[in-house]
């Protein structure tokens, strides 16, 4: 287990390209395969979607319900944890995002910093999904505090060149974040197999590569049903989604892999009996 909490922030070059899908998948893989408490914060103040991807139309508690504690700087790690959903089948706690889009600009930097400090105290690693909008405190504060900054984009030229190079990369230094302080995660949607190669995308943006995330037709179907967690747990492609990238994050931030459960002899005999085979 890590000795101090780490923050990995996922930011998109462009809205609605799958940043939330990649960020949540990374958090799920970390909770599934590595020791330690994992917190996922939806800080996409203008377009929060993770609650719908988990099949929850109206979250009982979301980020805006914590506004009194954030305004008074009285939030505690315990209160934060109690306000989060523990995803079934994984040691993962999820804070749903802001449900009032018109309030996005009213979150103050000190409020977001207070939230992140409490998350730091509550979890061994925190994944923050900040979306693609820079005109709010959540994006700027999370990126400034992050130990790892993941810049998601797609092979579309307008996304990695126009939005990535001329928008995110040029804007970032204005907030004290060097333009090369990111790693690229290339998101490929169905039909995007052709086009620009990953190495060309990274070269254009001047960043190193973290990996790729493929949005499959099966994932799109599960999103409509609010079952992204089931896709990650049971789908053939979903079971490996963001596994390598989560491994890289775990190694970087000192998380140890969970021990593999040994198959007991009685279970082997049961399986053999059911299959009509004998054990020597």
Protein backbone atom coordinates (compact mmCIF):
# COMPACT_ATOMS: atom_id res chain seq x y z
CA UNK A 1 0.00 0.00 0.00
CA UNK A 2 1.24 3.48 -0.76
CA UNK A 3 2.49 5.65 2.05
CA UNK A 4 0.69 8.74 0.78
CA UNK A 5 -2.27 9.40 -1.43
CA UNK A 6 -1.73 10.11 -5.11
CA UNK A 7 -3.91 12.00 -7.56
CA UNK A 8 -4.29 11.16 -11.24
CA UNK A 9 -6.36 13.66 -13.21
CA UNK A 10 -7.96 12.81 -16.55
CA UNK A 11 -8.71 15.76 -18.82
CA UNK A 12 -9.99 15.64 -22.39
CA UNK A 13 -8.86 17.73 -25.32
CA UNK A 14 -12.48 17.74 -26.49
CA UNK A 15 -15.86 17.21 -24.81
CA UNK A 16 -17.73 13.91 -25.17
CA UNK A 17 -14.87 11.77 -26.48
CA UNK A 18 -14.85 9.21 -23.65
CA UNK A 19 -12.71 10.78 -20.93
CA UNK A 20 -15.11 9.59 -18.23
CA UNK A 21 -15.11 6.05 -19.65
CA UNK A 22 -11.33 5.86 -19.57
CA UNK A 23 -10.99 7.47 -16.12
CA UNK A 24 -13.59 5.22 -14.51
CA UNK A 25 -12.14 2.12 -16.18
CA UNK A 26 -8.70 2.96 -14.78
CA UNK A 27 -10.16 3.45 -11.30
CA UNK A 28 -12.08 0.16 -11.53
CA UNK A 29 -8.98 -1.76 -12.61
CA UNK A 30 -6.94 -0.26 -9.75
CA UNK A 31 -9.57 -1.25 -7.19
CA UNK A 32 -9.98 -4.69 -8.69
CA UNK A 33 -6.33 -5.70 -8.96
CA UNK A 34 -4.35 -3.63 -6.44
CA UNK A 35 -4.31 -3.13 -2.70
CA UNK A 36 -5.42 0.14 -1.19
CA UNK A 37 -8.49 2.35 -1.19
CA UNK A 38 -9.39 3.91 -4.52
CA UNK A 39 -11.51 7.05 -4.84
CA UNK A 40 -13.10 8.27 -8.07
CA UNK A 41 -14.15 11.92 -8.12
CA UNK A 42 -16.40 13.18 -10.89
CA UNK A 43 -15.21 16.79 -11.20
CA UNK A 44 -16.73 17.31 -14.62
CA UNK A 45 -18.83 20.23 -13.41
CA UNK A 46 -20.63 20.82 -16.71
CA UNK A 47 -21.38 17.36 -18.02
CA UNK A 48 -21.34 14.74 -15.25
CA UNK A 49 -22.27 11.34 -16.64
CA UNK A 50 -20.85 8.56 -14.45
CA UNK A 51 -24.08 8.18 -12.45
CA UNK A 52 -25.96 7.35 -15.65
CA UNK A 53 -23.26 4.93 -16.76
CA UNK A 54 -23.82 3.13 -13.45
CA UNK A 55 -27.60 3.07 -13.91
CA UNK A 56 -28.47 5.78 -11.37
CA UNK A 57 -30.76 8.46 -12.78
CA UNK A 58 -30.88 10.65 -9.68
CA UNK A 59 -27.95 10.27 -7.26
CA UNK A 60 -28.94 10.42 -3.59
CA UNK A 61 -25.73 12.34 -2.86
CA UNK A 62 -23.62 14.19 -5.41
CA UNK A 63 -20.91 16.84 -5.37
CA UNK A 64 -23.38 19.72 -5.12
CA UNK A 65 -24.86 18.17 -1.95
CA UNK A 66 -21.48 18.76 -0.29
CA UNK A 67 -21.51 22.49 -1.05
CA UNK A 68 -22.26 23.54 2.58
CA UNK A 69 -19.22 21.61 3.84
CA UNK A 70 -17.07 22.86 0.97
CA UNK A 71 -18.08 26.49 1.47
CA UNK A 72 -17.33 26.33 5.20
CA UNK A 73 -14.23 24.18 4.62
CA UNK A 74 -15.62 21.69 7.15
CA UNK A 75 -15.68 18.51 5.08
CA UNK A 76 -14.04 15.49 6.70
CA UNK A 77 -12.64 12.30 5.13
CA UNK A 78 -15.40 10.32 6.85
CA UNK A 79 -18.16 12.56 5.52
CA UNK A 80 -16.69 12.36 2.03
CA UNK A 81 -16.52 8.57 2.12
CA UNK A 82 -20.10 8.32 3.39
CA UNK A 83 -21.22 10.47 0.45
CA UNK A 84 -19.73 8.10 -2.12
CA UNK A 85 -21.08 4.97 -3.75
CA UNK A 86 -19.10 1.79 -3.27
CA UNK A 87 -19.22 0.01 -6.61
CA UNK A 88 -20.29 -3.61 -6.32
CA UNK A 89 -17.54 -6.12 -6.92
CA UNK A 90 -14.72 -3.59 -6.47
CA UNK A 91 -13.05 -1.70 -3.64
CA UNK A 92 -13.92 1.56 -5.35
CA UNK A 93 -15.70 4.61 -3.97
CA UNK A 94 -17.38 6.99 -6.43
CA UNK A 95 -18.37 10.61 -5.82
CA UNK A 96 -21.03 11.61 -8.32
CA UNK A 97 -20.58 14.95 -10.03
CA UNK A 98 -22.26 18.30 -10.04
CA UNK A 99 -25.90 17.99 -11.15
CA UNK A 100 -26.50 21.72 -11.60
CA UNK A 101 -24.58 22.78 -14.68
CA UNK A 102 -25.39 26.47 -14.21
CA UNK A 103 -23.53 26.38 -10.88
CA UNK A 104 -20.21 25.18 -12.33
CA UNK A 105 -18.49 28.56 -12.16
CA UNK A 106 -19.51 29.12 -8.55
CA UNK A 107 -17.17 26.49 -7.13
CA UNK A 108 -14.22 28.36 -5.63
CA UNK A 109 -10.60 27.11 -5.85
CA UNK A 110 -10.37 26.79 -2.06
CA UNK A 111 -13.46 24.55 -2.08
CA UNK A 112 -11.97 22.19 -4.66
CA UNK A 113 -8.63 22.16 -2.85
CA UNK A 114 -10.48 21.30 0.37
CA UNK A 115 -12.25 18.43 -1.39
CA UNK A 116 -8.98 17.09 -2.81
CA UNK A 117 -7.25 17.33 0.58
CA UNK A 118 -9.98 15.21 2.14
CA UNK A 119 -9.80 12.72 -0.71
CA UNK A 120 -6.04 12.59 -0.15
CA UNK A 121 -6.65 11.64 3.48
CA UNK A 122 -9.36 9.07 2.69
CA UNK A 123 -7.80 7.13 -0.19
CA UNK A 124 -4.50 5.69 -1.31
CA UNK A 125 -5.06 6.84 -4.88
CA UNK A 126 -7.62 9.23 -6.32
CA UNK A 127 -8.78 9.36 -9.92
CA UNK A 128 -10.26 12.74 -10.84
CA UNK A 129 -12.30 13.08 -14.03
CA UNK A 130 -12.38 16.78 -14.92
CA UNK A 131 -13.86 16.54 -18.42
CA UNK A 132 -12.68 19.02 -21.04
CA UNK A 133 -13.73 22.45 -19.80
CA UNK A 134 -11.08 24.77 -18.34
CA UNK A 135 -13.33 27.62 -17.22
CA UNK A 136 -13.94 26.27 -13.73
CA UNK A 137 -11.98 25.70 -10.53
CA UNK A 138 -12.27 21.90 -10.56
CA UNK A 139 -10.27 21.45 -13.76
CA UNK A 140 -7.53 23.90 -12.86
CA UNK A 141 -7.13 22.86 -9.21
CA UNK A 142 -7.14 19.13 -9.93
CA UNK A 143 -4.59 19.45 -12.72
CA UNK A 144 -2.32 21.66 -10.65
CA UNK A 145 -2.36 19.22 -7.71
CA UNK A 146 -2.17 16.03 -9.77
CA UNK A 147 0.80 13.69 -9.58
CA UNK A 148 -0.21 12.22 -12.96
CA UNK A 149 -1.99 14.17 -15.70
CA UNK A 150 -3.66 12.14 -18.43
CA UNK A 151 -4.69 14.02 -21.56
CA UNK A 152 -7.29 12.07 -23.49
CA UNK A 153 -7.86 12.64 -27.20
CA UNK A 154 -8.83 10.77 -30.37
CA UNK A 155 -7.21 10.20 -33.79
CA UNK A 156 -9.35 13.03 -35.20
CA UNK A 157 -7.05 15.84 -36.36
CA UNK A 158 -9.34 18.52 -34.94
CA UNK A 159 -9.15 16.86 -31.52
CA UNK A 160 -5.43 16.25 -31.02
CA UNK A 161 -4.13 19.16 -33.11
CA UNK A 162 -6.66 21.97 -32.79
CA UNK A 163 -8.05 21.19 -29.32
CA UNK A 164 -4.99 19.44 -27.93
CA UNK A 165 -2.07 21.46 -29.21
CA UNK A 166 -3.63 24.88 -29.69
CA UNK A 167 -6.04 24.84 -26.78
CA UNK A 168 -5.10 22.60 -23.87
CA UNK A 169 -1.33 22.72 -24.36
CA UNK A 170 -1.19 26.52 -24.82
CA UNK A 171 -3.67 27.24 -22.04
CA UNK A 172 -2.05 24.93 -19.49
CA UNK A 173 1.09 27.05 -18.85
CA UNK A 174 -1.11 29.99 -17.90
CA UNK A 175 -2.00 28.02 -14.77
CA UNK A 176 1.56 26.95 -14.00
CA UNK A 177 1.36 23.53 -15.65
CA UNK A 178 4.05 22.86 -18.28
CA UNK A 179 2.71 21.86 -21.66
CA UNK A 180 4.64 18.59 -21.59
CA UNK A 181 3.44 17.58 -18.11
CA UNK A 182 0.88 15.19 -19.56
CA UNK A 183 0.64 11.67 -20.91
CA UNK A 184 -1.62 10.98 -23.87
CA UNK A 185 -4.39 8.41 -23.77
CA UNK A 186 -5.76 7.89 -27.27
CA UNK A 187 -9.43 6.91 -27.33
CA UNK A 188 -10.54 5.03 -30.42
CA UNK A 189 -14.21 4.78 -31.23
CA UNK A 190 -15.78 2.29 -33.66
CA UNK A 191 -14.76 3.28 -37.19
CA UNK A 192 -11.63 5.12 -36.02
CA UNK A 193 -9.19 2.29 -36.74
CA UNK A 194 -7.96 4.17 -39.78
CA UNK A 195 -6.39 7.59 -39.50
CA UNK A 196 -3.49 9.04 -37.57
CA UNK A 197 -1.11 6.73 -35.76
CA UNK A 198 -0.61 7.01 -32.02
CA UNK A 199 3.05 8.01 -32.35
CA UNK A 200 2.09 10.87 -34.68
CA UNK A 201 -0.56 12.08 -32.24
CA UNK A 202 1.94 12.15 -29.35
CA UNK A 203 4.56 13.86 -31.50
CA UNK A 204 2.08 16.56 -32.52
CA UNK A 205 1.08 17.24 -28.91
CA UNK A 206 4.62 16.90 -27.55
CA UNK A 207 3.72 14.40 -24.83
CA UNK A 208 4.55 10.81 -23.99
CA UNK A 209 2.09 7.96 -24.47
CA UNK A 210 0.19 6.31 -21.64
CA UNK A 211 -1.86 3.95 -23.81
CA UNK A 212 -5.07 3.48 -25.78
CA UNK A 213 -8.69 2.91 -24.86
CA UNK A 214 -11.00 1.30 -27.41
CA UNK A 215 -14.70 2.03 -27.22
CA UNK A 216 -16.39 -1.13 -28.45
CA UNK A 217 -20.00 -1.59 -29.61
CA UNK A 218 -20.55 -3.81 -26.56
CA UNK A 219 -19.51 -0.95 -24.26
CA UNK A 220 -21.92 1.46 -25.95
CA UNK A 221 -24.73 -1.00 -25.32
CA UNK A 222 -23.87 -1.34 -21.65
CA UNK A 223 -23.72 2.44 -21.23
CA UNK A 224 -27.29 2.73 -22.47
CA UNK A 225 -28.26 0.17 -19.82
CA UNK A 226 -26.19 1.80 -17.06
CA UNK A 227 -23.89 -1.21 -16.68
CA UNK A 228 -20.35 0.01 -17.29
CA UNK A 229 -19.21 -1.89 -14.19
CA UNK A 230 -20.64 -5.14 -15.55
CA UNK A 231 -18.89 -4.54 -18.88
CA UNK A 232 -15.59 -4.09 -17.06
CA UNK A 233 -16.18 -7.23 -14.98
CA UNK A 234 -17.59 -9.67 -17.53
CA UNK A 235 -17.18 -8.55 -21.15
CA UNK A 236 -14.29 -10.14 -23.05
CA UNK A 237 -12.87 -6.78 -24.06
CA UNK A 238 -14.00 -5.03 -20.90
CA UNK A 239 -11.99 -7.34 -18.63
CA UNK A 240 -8.74 -6.00 -20.08
CA UNK A 241 -9.75 -2.37 -20.61
CA UNK A 242 -7.20 0.01 -19.00
CA UNK A 243 -5.41 -2.91 -17.31
CA UNK A 244 -1.95 -1.96 -18.58
CA UNK A 245 -2.52 1.72 -17.84
CA UNK A 246 -3.75 0.91 -14.31
CA UNK A 247 -0.63 -1.20 -13.82
CA UNK A 248 1.52 1.75 -14.78
CA UNK A 249 -0.33 4.01 -12.34
CA UNK A 250 -0.05 1.42 -9.56
CA UNK A 251 3.69 1.01 -10.06
CA UNK A 252 4.22 4.76 -10.17
CA UNK A 253 2.20 5.43 -7.03
CA UNK A 254 3.34 2.46 -4.96
CA UNK A 255 0.26 0.23 -4.99
CA UNK A 256 0.86 -3.49 -4.60
CA UNK A 257 -1.04 -6.10 -6.59
CA UNK A 258 -3.68 -8.07 -4.73
CA UNK A 259 -2.61 -11.68 -4.02
CA UNK A 260 -4.14 -14.25 -6.34
CA UNK A 261 -6.54 -16.64 -4.63
CA UNK A 262 -5.30 -20.20 -4.83
CA UNK A 263 -7.73 -22.81 -6.18
CA UNK A 264 -8.45 -25.28 -3.40
CA UNK A 265 -8.16 -29.05 -4.08
CA UNK A 266 -11.84 -29.64 -3.24
CA UNK A 267 -12.84 -27.09 -5.88
CA UNK A 268 -10.66 -28.79 -8.49
CA UNK A 269 -12.37 -32.11 -7.70
CA UNK A 270 -15.80 -30.49 -7.98
CA UNK A 271 -14.98 -29.02 -11.38
CA UNK A 272 -13.58 -32.34 -12.57
CA UNK A 273 -16.68 -34.19 -11.34
CA UNK A 274 -19.01 -31.83 -13.16
CA UNK A 275 -17.05 -32.14 -16.37
CA UNK A 276 -16.91 -35.94 -16.12
CA UNK A 277 -13.12 -36.02 -15.83
CA UNK A 278 -10.96 -37.71 -13.21
CA UNK A 279 -8.05 -36.24 -11.33
CA UNK A 280 -4.87 -38.26 -11.07
